[in-house]
Amino acid sequence: MSNSDRKLPKKRSNKYPPAGVTLEMMIRALVEEYGWTELGQKIYIRCFNDNPSLKSSLIFLKQTEWARLQVEDLYYWRFGGRPANWVGPKPRNDDDSEDKN
């Protein structure tokens, strides 16, 4: 496979890491606050539940935007300081989930 065949990750529209807070800093703060067990219950991803480590979590979260956004959202909800340009998960549109007859 040549370099031109590889898919490049999408660029985020917000500044990352936001407000000078790195992903590692977020994970460390959340683990200190909740512990791995409770963090794994709040955000159910395997790297928080099965043999959790900072290294495996960073690898997974850097590659998986939906999970990284959940970590960011929990961090900002708990500790505050969400930057004005933060782009979080899109709100769910409940109208789409209803049966239309």
Protein backbone atom coordinates (compact mmCIF):
# COMPACT_ATOMS: atom_id res chain seq x y z
CA MET A 1 0.00 0.00 0.00
CA SER A 2 1.47 3.33 -0.98
CA ASN A 3 1.33 6.46 1.16
CA SER A 4 -1.21 8.02 -1.19
CA ASP A 5 -3.63 5.10 -0.60
CA ARG A 6 -3.78 5.62 3.16
CA LYS A 7 -6.72 7.49 4.58
CA LEU A 8 -5.75 10.58 6.51
CA PRO A 9 -7.72 11.48 9.63
CA LYS A 10 -10.15 14.35 9.33
CA LYS A 11 -8.94 17.66 10.68
CA ARG A 12 -10.87 18.92 13.66
CA SER A 13 -12.49 22.31 13.38
CA ASN A 14 -11.51 23.23 16.93
CA LYS A 15 -8.07 23.76 18.39
CA TYR A 16 -6.75 20.50 19.84
CA PRO A 17 -5.60 20.14 22.51
CA PRO A 18 -8.18 22.68 23.70
CA ALA A 19 -7.08 25.55 25.93
CA GLY A 20 -3.65 23.98 26.48
CA VAL A 21 -5.13 20.91 28.18
CA THR A 22 -3.71 17.75 26.65
CA LEU A 23 -5.59 14.50 26.33
CA GLU A 24 -3.15 12.92 28.77
CA MET A 25 -3.91 15.64 31.32
CA MET A 26 -7.64 15.01 30.90
CA ILE A 27 -7.30 11.26 31.40
CA ARG A 28 -5.04 11.67 34.44
CA ALA A 29 -7.48 14.12 36.04
CA LEU A 30 -10.49 11.90 35.36
CA VAL A 31 -8.73 8.79 36.68
CA GLU A 32 -7.66 10.68 39.80
CA GLU A 33 -11.23 11.91 40.30
CA TYR A 34 -13.15 8.72 39.49
CA GLY A 35 -10.68 5.83 39.24
CA TRP A 36 -10.58 3.46 36.26
CA THR A 37 -13.62 1.45 37.37
CA GLU A 38 -16.01 4.38 37.69
CA LEU A 39 -14.56 6.09 34.60
CA GLY A 40 -15.23 2.89 32.65
CA GLN A 41 -18.84 3.00 33.85
CA LYS A 42 -19.29 6.64 32.86
CA ILE A 43 -17.69 6.17 29.42
CA TYR A 44 -17.92 2.55 28.36
CA ILE A 45 -14.90 1.90 26.21
CA ARG A 46 -12.74 -1.19 26.46
CA CYS A 47 -9.48 0.64 27.21
CA PHE A 48 -11.07 1.94 30.45
CA ASN A 49 -12.52 -1.43 31.49
CA ASP A 50 -10.20 -4.24 30.37
CA ASN A 51 -6.70 -3.92 31.83
CA PRO A 52 -6.79 -0.09 31.73
CA SER A 53 -3.64 1.95 31.31
CA LEU A 54 -2.81 5.50 30.36
CA LYS A 55 -0.82 4.34 27.33
CA SER A 56 -3.57 2.14 25.84
CA SER A 57 -6.17 4.83 26.49
CA LEU A 58 -4.12 7.50 24.75
CA ILE A 59 -3.53 5.29 21.72
CA PHE A 60 -7.23 4.47 21.38
CA LEU A 61 -8.53 7.97 22.06
CA LYS A 62 -6.13 9.62 19.60
CA GLN A 63 -7.49 7.34 16.86
CA THR A 64 -11.19 7.40 17.81
CA GLU A 65 -12.88 10.78 17.67
CA TRP A 66 -16.26 9.78 19.17
CA ALA A 67 -14.58 8.37 22.27
CA ARG A 68 -12.21 11.32 22.59
CA LEU A 69 -15.17 13.72 22.43
CA GLN A 70 -16.88 11.82 25.25
CA VAL A 71 -13.74 12.10 27.39
CA GLU A 72 -13.47 15.82 26.63
CA ASP A 73 -17.15 16.35 27.42
CA LEU A 74 -16.88 14.54 30.78
CA TYR A 75 -13.70 16.45 31.63
CA TYR A 76 -15.27 19.83 30.89
CA TRP A 77 -18.51 18.89 32.66
CA ARG A 78 -16.60 17.89 35.79
CA PHE A 79 -13.81 20.47 35.84
CA GLY A 80 -15.27 23.32 33.77
CA GLY A 81 -13.23 25.52 31.49
CA ARG A 82 -14.69 24.48 28.14
CA PRO A 83 -13.21 26.83 25.53
CA ALA A 84 -15.63 28.92 23.46
CA ASN A 85 -14.49 27.24 20.21
CA TRP A 86 -14.94 23.66 21.53
CA VAL A 87 -16.81 21.45 19.09
CA GLY A 88 -18.51 18.69 21.01
CA PRO A 89 -20.80 15.88 19.97
CA LYS A 90 -23.76 16.98 17.89
CA PRO A 91 -27.01 17.11 19.84
CA ARG A 92 -29.38 14.24 19.23
CA ASN A 93 -32.42 15.13 17.18
CA ASP A 94 -35.35 13.39 18.88
CA ASP A 95 -37.64 14.13 15.94
CA ASP A 96 -35.68 11.66 13.78
CA SER A 97 -36.14 8.79 16.23
CA GLU A 98 -39.96 8.94 16.25
CA ASP A 99 -41.99 6.74 13.93
CA LYS A 100 -43.47 8.77 11.12
CA ASN A 101 -46.74 7.34 9.89
